[in-house]
Amino acid sequence: MLRVTKLRYGFPIGLLLFFYLDGILGAAFPKQLFNYPYTMSSYLVVLWLVYSIYFEDQITIPLGIWAAVAGGLFDLYYTGIFGIFVFVFPIVVALTRACYKAFPINFLSGLLVYFIDITVVCALSYFGNLVVHLTSASFADMLVYSLAPTLAYNLAAYVILYFPVQWLFNRLKN
């Protein structure tokens, strides 16, 4: 259960902030993020969920529920198709928690886990779009033109935001 701390209110505010920051960055830099044939997808919501797993310590946040809610909002707001990210985000939370138990939590192992998470999000999103016939791109095209730039962008965001978000979580827990 989430104790009565500043984190109780700070976590949803941060999730909402990162959710809108995804859209703001996409709207502010469309030529840099979506220049044909390359497409970078911003998954700052996933980054916030991953950071929450790393920095929650003894305070347990119901991240599966929050991930499903964030996935539903992500689906409705960004993709217009309800269903893909509602399932993908909780899968990523479960995967990250499993990796959290297997690896020591530090900056580099977190970077590796986030690399895996973004790869899973992109792959499941691609296969979901393939099933409902929203994409005709081959898997190789997805790897080169979408996954690689998305990984570069999101891993750079991880590196830039790791220590400020860690400081924020430490501040909110006390």
N, C-alpha and C. Protein backbone atom coordinates (compact mmCIF):
# COMPACT_ATOMS: atom_id res chain seq x y z
N MET A 1 0.84 -1.19 0.00
CA MET A 1 0.00 0.00 0.00
C MET A 1 0.88 1.23 0.00
N LEU A 2 0.45 2.22 -0.71
CA LEU A 2 1.19 3.46 -0.81
C LEU A 2 0.95 4.29 0.44
N ARG A 3 2.02 4.47 1.22
CA ARG A 3 1.91 5.26 2.45
C ARG A 3 1.54 6.70 2.14
N VAL A 4 1.09 7.38 3.17
CA VAL A 4 0.79 8.79 3.00
C VAL A 4 2.11 9.55 3.02
N THR A 5 2.67 9.74 1.87
CA THR A 5 3.88 10.52 1.70
C THR A 5 3.64 11.45 0.52
N LYS A 6 4.61 12.27 0.26
CA LYS A 6 4.52 13.15 -0.90
C LYS A 6 4.53 12.33 -2.19
N LEU A 7 5.07 11.11 -2.12
CA LEU A 7 5.12 10.25 -3.29
C LEU A 7 3.73 9.83 -3.75
N ARG A 8 2.79 9.77 -2.80
CA ARG A 8 1.42 9.39 -3.14
C ARG A 8 0.83 10.35 -4.18
N TYR A 9 1.19 11.61 -4.07
CA TYR A 9 0.70 12.61 -5.02
C TYR A 9 1.72 12.91 -6.10
N GLY A 10 2.98 12.77 -5.77
CA GLY A 10 4.04 13.08 -6.72
C GLY A 10 4.13 12.08 -7.86
N PHE A 11 3.86 10.80 -7.56
CA PHE A 11 3.94 9.79 -8.62
C PHE A 11 2.93 10.04 -9.73
N PRO A 12 1.63 10.22 -9.43
CA PRO A 12 0.68 10.47 -10.53
C PRO A 12 0.95 11.79 -11.27
N ILE A 13 1.41 12.79 -10.53
CA ILE A 13 1.73 14.07 -11.19
C ILE A 13 2.90 13.87 -12.15
N GLY A 14 3.93 13.13 -11.71
CA GLY A 14 5.07 12.85 -12.58
C GLY A 14 4.66 12.02 -13.79
N LEU A 15 3.79 11.04 -13.58
CA LEU A 15 3.32 10.21 -14.69
C LEU A 15 2.57 11.07 -15.71
N LEU A 16 1.71 11.94 -15.22
CA LEU A 16 0.96 12.83 -16.11
C LEU A 16 1.89 13.81 -16.82
N LEU A 17 2.88 14.31 -16.11
CA LEU A 17 3.85 15.23 -16.70
C LEU A 17 4.65 14.54 -17.82
N PHE A 18 5.12 13.33 -17.57
CA PHE A 18 5.87 12.60 -18.59
C PHE A 18 4.96 12.21 -19.76
N PHE A 19 3.69 11.93 -19.47
CA PHE A 19 2.72 11.61 -20.52
C PHE A 19 2.58 12.79 -21.48
N TYR A 20 2.39 13.97 -20.94
CA TYR A 20 2.23 15.15 -21.79
C TYR A 20 3.55 15.58 -22.41
N LEU A 21 4.65 15.33 -21.73
CA LEU A 21 5.96 15.66 -22.29
C LEU A 21 6.23 14.84 -23.55
N ASP A 22 5.72 13.60 -23.58
CA ASP A 22 5.81 12.79 -24.81
C ASP A 22 5.20 13.53 -25.99
N GLY A 23 4.00 14.04 -25.80
CA GLY A 23 3.31 14.74 -26.87
C GLY A 23 3.91 16.09 -27.20
N ILE A 24 4.35 16.81 -26.17
CA ILE A 24 4.93 18.13 -26.39
C ILE A 24 6.21 18.02 -27.21
N LEU A 25 7.05 17.05 -26.88
CA LEU A 25 8.30 16.89 -27.63
C LEU A 25 8.03 16.47 -29.07
N GLY A 26 7.03 15.62 -29.27
CA GLY A 26 6.66 15.21 -30.63
C GLY A 26 6.12 16.37 -31.45
N ALA A 27 5.37 17.26 -30.80
CA ALA A 27 4.81 18.42 -31.51
C ALA A 27 5.87 19.51 -31.73
N ALA A 28 6.80 19.63 -30.81
CA ALA A 28 7.82 20.68 -30.91
C ALA A 28 8.92 20.34 -31.91
N PHE A 29 9.22 19.06 -32.05
CA PHE A 29 10.31 18.64 -32.94
C PHE A 29 9.86 17.59 -33.95
N PRO A 30 8.85 17.88 -34.76
CA PRO A 30 8.36 16.84 -35.68
C PRO A 30 9.37 16.47 -36.77
N LYS A 31 10.13 17.44 -37.26
CA LYS A 31 11.08 17.13 -38.34
C LYS A 31 12.25 16.30 -37.83
N GLN A 32 12.64 16.51 -36.58
CA GLN A 32 13.75 15.74 -36.02
C GLN A 32 13.31 14.34 -35.62
N LEU A 33 12.09 14.20 -35.12
CA LEU A 33 11.63 12.89 -34.63
C LEU A 33 11.00 12.03 -35.72
N PHE A 34 10.37 12.66 -36.69
CA PHE A 34 9.59 11.90 -37.68
C PHE A 34 10.04 12.19 -39.10
N ASN A 35 11.33 12.29 -39.34
CA ASN A 35 11.87 12.58 -40.67
C ASN A 35 11.97 11.28 -41.46
N TYR A 36 11.26 11.20 -42.59
CA TYR A 36 11.23 9.98 -43.39
C TYR A 36 12.64 9.56 -43.77
N PRO A 37 12.99 8.32 -43.70
CA PRO A 37 12.25 7.12 -43.36
C PRO A 37 12.35 6.76 -41.87
N TYR A 38 13.06 7.59 -41.10
CA TYR A 38 13.28 7.27 -39.69
C TYR A 38 12.17 7.84 -38.81
N THR A 39 11.79 7.09 -37.79
CA THR A 39 10.77 7.53 -36.86
C THR A 39 11.22 7.21 -35.44
N MET A 40 11.29 8.24 -34.62
CA MET A 40 11.63 8.06 -33.21
C MET A 40 10.36 8.20 -32.39
N SER A 41 10.07 7.22 -31.57
CA SER A 41 8.92 7.29 -30.68
C SER A 41 9.41 7.60 -29.27
N SER A 42 8.76 8.54 -28.65
CA SER A 42 9.11 8.91 -27.29
C SER A 42 8.27 8.09 -26.32
N TYR A 43 8.92 7.37 -25.44
CA TYR A 43 8.23 6.57 -24.43
C TYR A 43 8.65 7.02 -23.04
N LEU A 44 8.45 8.30 -22.76
CA LEU A 44 8.80 8.83 -21.44
C LEU A 44 7.88 8.28 -20.35
N VAL A 45 6.67 7.88 -20.72
CA VAL A 45 5.77 7.25 -19.75
C VAL A 45 6.38 5.94 -19.25
N VAL A 46 6.93 5.17 -20.17
CA VAL A 46 7.60 3.92 -19.79
C VAL A 46 8.81 4.24 -18.92
N LEU A 47 9.52 5.30 -19.26
CA LEU A 47 10.68 5.71 -18.46
C LEU A 47 10.26 6.03 -17.03
N TRP A 48 9.16 6.74 -16.85
CA TRP A 48 8.68 7.07 -15.51
C TRP A 48 8.30 5.80 -14.75
N LEU A 49 7.65 4.86 -15.41
CA LEU A 49 7.28 3.60 -14.76
C LEU A 49 8.51 2.80 -14.35
N VAL A 50 9.52 2.78 -15.21
CA VAL A 50 10.76 2.06 -14.90
C VAL A 50 11.48 2.73 -13.73
N TYR A 51 11.58 4.05 -13.77
CA TYR A 51 12.19 4.76 -12.65
C TYR A 51 11.44 4.50 -11.35
N SER A 52 10.12 4.41 -11.43
CA SER A 52 9.32 4.15 -10.23
C SER A 52 9.65 2.80 -9.62
N ILE A 53 9.90 1.82 -10.45
CA ILE A 53 10.28 0.50 -9.93
C ILE A 53 11.65 0.58 -9.26
N TYR A 54 12.57 1.31 -9.86
CA TYR A 54 13.92 1.41 -9.31
C TYR A 54 13.96 2.17 -8.00
N PHE A 55 13.20 3.23 -7.90
CA PHE A 55 13.36 4.15 -6.78
C PHE A 55 12.27 4.04 -5.72
N GLU A 56 11.35 3.08 -5.83
CA GLU A 56 10.26 3.02 -4.85
C GLU A 56 10.69 2.46 -3.50
N ASP A 57 11.74 1.65 -3.43
CA ASP A 57 12.25 1.04 -2.19
C ASP A 57 11.15 0.28 -1.45
N GLN A 58 10.92 0.61 -0.18
CA GLN A 58 9.93 -0.12 0.61
C GLN A 58 8.50 0.34 0.35
N ILE A 59 8.34 1.47 -0.27
CA ILE A 59 7.00 1.97 -0.59
C ILE A 59 6.56 1.29 -1.88
N THR A 60 5.52 0.51 -1.80
CA THR A 60 5.07 -0.20 -3.00
C THR A 60 3.98 0.61 -3.69
N ILE A 61 4.20 0.89 -4.93
CA ILE A 61 3.25 1.63 -5.76
C ILE A 61 2.52 0.59 -6.62
N PRO A 62 1.19 0.66 -6.72
CA PRO A 62 0.47 -0.29 -7.58
C PRO A 62 0.71 0.01 -9.06
N LEU A 63 1.90 -0.32 -9.52
CA LEU A 63 2.33 0.09 -10.85
C LEU A 63 1.60 -0.63 -11.98
N GLY A 64 1.15 -1.85 -11.74
CA GLY A 64 0.40 -2.56 -12.78
C GLY A 64 -0.87 -1.82 -13.15
N ILE A 65 -1.57 -1.34 -12.15
CA ILE A 65 -2.81 -0.58 -12.39
C ILE A 65 -2.49 0.75 -13.06
N TRP A 66 -1.49 1.45 -12.53
CA TRP A 66 -1.09 2.73 -13.12
C TRP A 66 -0.61 2.53 -14.56
N ALA A 67 0.10 1.44 -14.82
CA ALA A 67 0.59 1.18 -16.18
C ALA A 67 -0.58 0.93 -17.14
N ALA A 68 -1.59 0.20 -16.68
CA ALA A 68 -2.76 -0.04 -17.54
C ALA A 68 -3.51 1.25 -17.81
N VAL A 69 -3.66 2.09 -16.79
CA VAL A 69 -4.34 3.38 -16.98
C VAL A 69 -3.54 4.26 -17.93
N ALA A 70 -2.22 4.33 -17.70
CA ALA A 70 -1.37 5.13 -18.59
C ALA A 70 -1.39 4.56 -20.01
N GLY A 71 -1.42 3.24 -20.14
CA GLY A 71 -1.51 2.62 -21.46
C GLY A 71 -2.81 2.95 -22.16
N GLY A 72 -3.91 2.95 -21.40
CA GLY A 72 -5.19 3.32 -21.99
C GLY A 72 -5.20 4.76 -22.46
N LEU A 73 -4.68 5.66 -21.64
CA LEU A 73 -4.59 7.07 -22.04
C LEU A 73 -3.66 7.23 -23.24
N PHE A 74 -2.55 6.50 -23.22
CA PHE A 74 -1.59 6.55 -24.33
C PHE A 74 -2.26 6.09 -25.62
N ASP A 75 -3.02 5.00 -25.52
CA ASP A 75 -3.75 4.50 -26.69
C ASP A 75 -4.72 5.53 -27.23
N LEU A 76 -5.54 6.07 -26.35
CA LEU A 76 -6.57 7.00 -26.80
C LEU A 76 -6.01 8.32 -27.30
N TYR A 77 -4.99 8.82 -26.63
CA TYR A 77 -4.47 10.14 -26.96
C TYR A 77 -3.50 10.11 -28.13
N TYR A 78 -2.62 9.13 -28.18
CA TYR A 78 -1.57 9.13 -29.20
C TYR A 78 -1.86 8.24 -30.40
N THR A 79 -2.45 7.09 -30.18
CA THR A 79 -2.65 6.16 -31.30
C THR A 79 -4.08 6.15 -31.83
N GLY A 80 -5.04 6.44 -30.99
CA GLY A 80 -6.43 6.41 -31.41
C GLY A 80 -7.03 5.02 -31.44
N ILE A 81 -6.24 4.02 -31.11
CA ILE A 81 -6.70 2.64 -31.09
C ILE A 81 -6.55 2.12 -29.68
N PHE A 82 -7.65 1.81 -29.05
CA PHE A 82 -7.61 1.37 -27.66
C PHE A 82 -7.27 -0.11 -27.60
N GLY A 83 -6.19 -0.45 -26.89
CA GLY A 83 -5.91 -1.84 -26.66
C GLY A 83 -4.48 -2.28 -26.64
N ILE A 84 -3.63 -1.70 -27.46
CA ILE A 84 -2.26 -2.20 -27.56
C ILE A 84 -1.46 -1.87 -26.30
N PHE A 85 -1.40 -0.59 -25.96
CA PHE A 85 -0.55 -0.17 -24.85
C PHE A 85 -1.18 -0.46 -23.49
N VAL A 86 -2.48 -0.71 -23.44
CA VAL A 86 -3.11 -1.13 -22.19
C VAL A 86 -2.48 -2.43 -21.70
N PHE A 87 -2.08 -3.27 -22.63
CA PHE A 87 -1.45 -4.54 -22.27
C PHE A 87 0.07 -4.45 -22.27
N VAL A 88 0.63 -3.62 -23.15
CA VAL A 88 2.09 -3.54 -23.27
C VAL A 88 2.72 -2.92 -22.02
N PHE A 89 2.17 -1.83 -21.52
CA PHE A 89 2.77 -1.16 -20.36
C PHE A 89 2.80 -2.04 -19.11
N PRO A 90 1.71 -2.75 -18.76
CA PRO A 90 1.81 -3.67 -17.62
C PRO A 90 2.80 -4.82 -17.85
N ILE A 91 2.92 -5.29 -19.09
CA ILE A 91 3.92 -6.32 -19.40
C ILE A 91 5.32 -5.78 -19.14
N VAL A 92 5.56 -4.54 -19.53
CA VAL A 92 6.87 -3.92 -19.30
C VAL A 92 7.13 -3.77 -17.81
N VAL A 93 6.11 -3.41 -17.03
CA VAL A 93 6.28 -3.29 -15.58
C VAL A 93 6.64 -4.65 -14.98
N ALA A 94 5.94 -5.70 -15.40
CA ALA A 94 6.25 -7.05 -14.90
C ALA A 94 7.65 -7.48 -15.31
N LEU A 95 8.04 -7.21 -16.54
CA LEU A 95 9.38 -7.54 -17.02
C LEU A 95 10.45 -6.78 -16.24
N THR A 96 10.22 -5.51 -15.98
CA THR A 96 11.18 -4.71 -15.24
C THR A 96 11.32 -5.20 -13.81
N ARG A 97 10.20 -5.56 -13.19
CA ARG A 97 10.27 -6.09 -11.81
C ARG A 97 11.04 -7.41 -11.78
N ALA A 98 10.86 -8.25 -12.80
CA ALA A 98 11.61 -9.51 -12.87
C ALA A 98 13.10 -9.23 -13.04
N CYS A 99 13.43 -8.28 -13.88
CA CYS A 99 14.85 -7.91 -14.07
C CYS A 99 15.42 -7.26 -12.82
N TYR A 100 14.59 -6.52 -12.11
CA TYR A 100 15.00 -5.86 -10.87
C TYR A 100 15.49 -6.90 -9.85
N LYS A 101 14.84 -8.06 -9.85
CA LYS A 101 15.25 -9.12 -8.93
C LYS A 101 16.51 -9.84 -9.40
N ALA A 102 16.75 -9.83 -10.72
CA ALA A 102 17.89 -10.56 -11.28
C ALA A 102 19.17 -9.75 -11.32
N PHE A 103 19.05 -8.44 -11.51
CA PHE A 103 20.23 -7.58 -11.64
C PHE A 103 20.35 -6.66 -10.45
N PRO A 104 21.58 -6.26 -10.12
CA PRO A 104 21.72 -5.22 -9.10
C PRO A 104 21.24 -3.89 -9.69
N ILE A 105 20.59 -3.10 -8.87
CA ILE A 105 20.07 -1.84 -9.38
C ILE A 105 21.14 -0.77 -9.30
N ASN A 106 21.61 -0.37 -10.44
CA ASN A 106 22.50 0.77 -10.57
C ASN A 106 22.25 1.39 -11.94
N PHE A 107 22.99 2.41 -12.24
CA PHE A 107 22.76 3.17 -13.47
C PHE A 107 22.90 2.29 -14.72
N LEU A 108 23.96 1.51 -14.82
CA LEU A 108 24.21 0.73 -16.04
C LEU A 108 23.27 -0.46 -16.20
N SER A 109 22.97 -1.16 -15.12
CA SER A 109 22.02 -2.27 -15.25
C SER A 109 20.62 -1.73 -15.55
N GLY A 110 20.30 -0.56 -15.00
CA GLY A 110 19.03 0.08 -15.33
C GLY A 110 18.96 0.46 -16.80
N LEU A 111 20.07 0.92 -17.34
CA LEU A 111 20.13 1.26 -18.77
C LEU A 111 19.89 0.02 -19.63
N LEU A 112 20.47 -1.11 -19.24
CA LEU A 112 20.26 -2.36 -19.95
C LEU A 112 18.80 -2.80 -19.88
N VAL A 113 18.21 -2.71 -18.70
CA VAL A 113 16.81 -3.11 -18.53
C VAL A 113 15.90 -2.19 -19.34
N TYR A 114 16.19 -0.91 -19.34
CA TYR A 114 15.38 0.03 -20.12
C TYR A 114 15.53 -0.24 -21.62
N PHE A 115 16.71 -0.63 -22.06
CA PHE A 115 16.94 -1.04 -23.45
C PHE A 115 16.01 -2.20 -23.80
N ILE A 116 15.96 -3.19 -22.93
CA ILE A 116 15.09 -4.35 -23.14
C ILE A 116 13.62 -3.92 -23.15
N ASP A 117 13.25 -3.04 -22.21
CA ASP A 117 11.86 -2.59 -22.13
C ASP A 117 11.41 -1.87 -23.39
N ILE A 118 12.23 -0.96 -23.89
CA ILE A 118 11.86 -0.21 -25.10
C ILE A 118 11.80 -1.15 -26.30
N THR A 119 12.69 -2.12 -26.36
CA THR A 119 12.64 -3.11 -27.44
C THR A 119 11.34 -3.90 -27.38
N VAL A 120 10.93 -4.30 -26.19
CA VAL A 120 9.67 -5.04 -26.02
C VAL A 120 8.48 -4.16 -26.41
N VAL A 121 8.47 -2.91 -25.97
CA VAL A 121 7.37 -2.01 -26.31
C VAL A 121 7.26 -1.84 -27.83
N CYS A 122 8.38 -1.59 -28.48
CA CYS A 122 8.36 -1.40 -29.94
C CYS A 122 7.94 -2.67 -30.67
N ALA A 123 8.47 -3.81 -30.24
CA ALA A 123 8.14 -5.07 -30.91
C ALA A 123 6.67 -5.43 -30.73
N LEU A 124 6.16 -5.32 -29.51
CA LEU A 124 4.75 -5.65 -29.28
C LEU A 124 3.82 -4.66 -29.98
N SER A 125 4.21 -3.40 -30.01
CA SER A 125 3.43 -2.40 -30.73
C SER A 125 3.42 -2.71 -32.23
N TYR A 126 4.56 -3.08 -32.76
CA TYR A 126 4.65 -3.44 -34.18
C TYR A 126 3.76 -4.64 -34.49
N PHE A 127 3.86 -5.69 -33.67
CA PHE A 127 3.06 -6.88 -33.93
C PHE A 127 1.57 -6.61 -33.75
N GLY A 128 1.21 -5.78 -32.78
CA GLY A 128 -0.19 -5.39 -32.62
C GLY A 128 -0.71 -4.63 -33.83
N ASN A 129 0.09 -3.72 -34.34
CA ASN A 129 -0.31 -2.97 -35.53
C ASN A 129 -0.33 -3.86 -36.77
N LEU A 130 0.53 -4.85 -36.80
CA LEU A 130 0.54 -5.80 -37.92
C LEU A 130 -0.73 -6.65 -37.91
N VAL A 131 -1.18 -7.04 -36.74
CA VAL A 131 -2.38 -7.87 -36.62
C VAL A 131 -3.62 -7.12 -37.10
N VAL A 132 -3.72 -5.84 -36.76
CA VAL A 132 -4.90 -5.06 -37.16
C VAL A 132 -4.68 -4.32 -38.49
N HIS A 133 -3.63 -4.68 -39.20
CA HIS A 133 -3.33 -4.16 -40.54
C HIS A 133 -3.13 -2.65 -40.57
N LEU A 134 -2.46 -2.11 -39.57
CA LEU A 134 -2.12 -0.69 -39.56
C LEU A 134 -0.72 -0.43 -40.07
N THR A 135 0.04 -1.47 -40.30
CA THR A 135 1.38 -1.31 -40.86
C THR A 135 1.62 -2.38 -41.91
N SER A 136 2.39 -2.00 -42.90
CA SER A 136 2.79 -2.98 -43.91
C SER A 136 4.31 -3.09 -43.96
N ALA A 137 4.98 -2.43 -43.03
CA ALA A 137 6.44 -2.47 -42.98
C ALA A 137 6.92 -3.85 -42.57
N SER A 138 8.05 -4.24 -43.10
CA SER A 138 8.63 -5.52 -42.71
C SER A 138 9.28 -5.38 -41.33
N PHE A 139 9.56 -6.51 -40.73
CA PHE A 139 10.20 -6.50 -39.41
C PHE A 139 11.59 -5.87 -39.50
N ALA A 140 12.30 -6.13 -40.58
CA ALA A 140 13.63 -5.53 -40.77
C ALA A 140 13.54 -4.01 -40.88
N ASP A 141 12.54 -3.52 -41.60
CA ASP A 141 12.34 -2.07 -41.69
C ASP A 141 12.02 -1.47 -40.33
N MET A 142 11.21 -2.17 -39.56
CA MET A 142 10.88 -1.68 -38.22
C MET A 142 12.14 -1.61 -37.36
N LEU A 143 12.99 -2.61 -37.46
CA LEU A 143 14.22 -2.61 -36.66
C LEU A 143 15.13 -1.44 -37.03
N VAL A 144 15.30 -1.20 -38.31
CA VAL A 144 16.25 -0.18 -38.77
C VAL A 144 15.67 1.23 -38.68
N TYR A 145 14.45 1.41 -39.13
CA TYR A 145 13.90 2.76 -39.27
C TYR A 145 13.10 3.23 -38.06
N SER A 146 12.69 2.33 -37.20
CA SER A 146 11.91 2.75 -36.04
C SER A 146 12.58 2.38 -34.72
N LEU A 147 12.95 1.11 -34.56
CA LEU A 147 13.50 0.67 -33.27
C LEU A 147 14.84 1.33 -32.96
N ALA A 148 15.75 1.36 -33.90
CA ALA A 148 17.08 1.93 -33.64
C ALA A 148 17.02 3.41 -33.24
N PRO A 149 16.30 4.27 -34.00
CA PRO A 149 16.21 5.67 -33.56
C PRO A 149 15.44 5.83 -32.24
N THR A 150 14.42 5.00 -32.04
CA THR A 150 13.66 5.06 -30.79
C THR A 150 14.54 4.69 -29.61
N LEU A 151 15.36 3.66 -29.76
CA LEU A 151 16.29 3.29 -28.69
C LEU A 151 17.29 4.41 -28.41
N ALA A 152 17.82 5.01 -29.46
CA ALA A 152 18.79 6.09 -29.27
C ALA A 152 18.17 7.25 -28.50
N TYR A 153 16.99 7.65 -28.89
CA TYR A 153 16.30 8.77 -28.24
C TYR A 153 15.95 8.45 -26.78
N ASN A 154 15.35 7.29 -26.56
CA ASN A 154 14.90 6.95 -25.21
C ASN A 154 16.05 6.63 -24.27
N LEU A 155 17.12 6.03 -24.76
CA LEU A 155 18.28 5.79 -23.90
C LEU A 155 18.98 7.10 -23.55
N ALA A 156 18.98 8.05 -24.48
CA ALA A 156 19.52 9.38 -24.15
C ALA A 156 18.66 10.05 -23.08
N ALA A 157 17.35 9.90 -23.18
CA ALA A 157 16.45 10.45 -22.15
C ALA A 157 16.71 9.79 -20.80
N TYR A 158 16.96 8.47 -20.80
CA TYR A 158 17.27 7.76 -19.57
C TYR A 158 18.53 8.34 -18.92
N VAL A 159 19.57 8.52 -19.72
CA VAL A 159 20.85 9.03 -19.20
C VAL A 159 20.68 10.44 -18.65
N ILE A 160 19.96 11.28 -19.36
CA ILE A 160 19.80 12.68 -18.94
C ILE A 160 18.94 12.80 -17.68
N LEU A 161 17.89 11.99 -17.58
CA LEU A 161 16.92 12.15 -16.50
C LEU A 161 17.16 11.26 -15.28
N TYR A 162 18.10 10.34 -15.33
CA TYR A 162 18.28 9.37 -14.24
C TYR A 162 18.52 10.05 -12.89
N PHE A 163 19.53 10.87 -12.80
CA PHE A 163 19.89 11.46 -11.51
C PHE A 163 18.90 12.51 -11.03
N PRO A 164 18.34 13.36 -11.90
CA PRO A 164 17.29 14.27 -11.42
C PRO A 164 16.05 13.54 -10.90
N VAL A 165 15.63 12.48 -11.58
CA VAL A 165 14.45 11.74 -11.13
C VAL A 165 14.77 10.97 -9.85
N GLN A 166 15.98 10.44 -9.72
CA GLN A 166 16.37 9.78 -8.48
C GLN A 166 16.33 10.76 -7.32
N TRP A 167 16.82 11.96 -7.53
CA TRP A 167 16.78 13.00 -6.50
C TRP A 167 15.33 13.33 -6.15
N LEU A 168 14.46 13.43 -7.17
CA LEU A 168 13.06 13.74 -6.94
C LEU A 168 12.37 12.65 -6.12
N PHE A 169 12.61 11.39 -6.45
CA PHE A 169 12.01 10.30 -5.70
C PHE A 169 12.50 10.28 -4.26
N ASN A 170 13.78 10.51 -4.06
CA ASN A 170 14.30 10.57 -2.68
C ASN A 170 13.66 11.70 -1.91
N ARG A 171 13.44 12.79 -2.56
CA ARG A 171 12.80 13.95 -1.91
C ARG A 171 11.33 13.67 -1.60
N LEU A 172 10.64 12.99 -2.51
CA LEU A 172 9.22 12.71 -2.31
C LEU A 172 8.98 11.62 -1.27
N LYS A 173 9.93 10.73 -1.07
CA LYS A 173 9.76 9.64 -0.09
C LYS A 173 9.87 10.14 1.34
N ASN A 174 10.56 11.22 1.56
CA ASN A 174 10.76 11.73 2.93
C ASN A 174 9.73 12.74 3.32
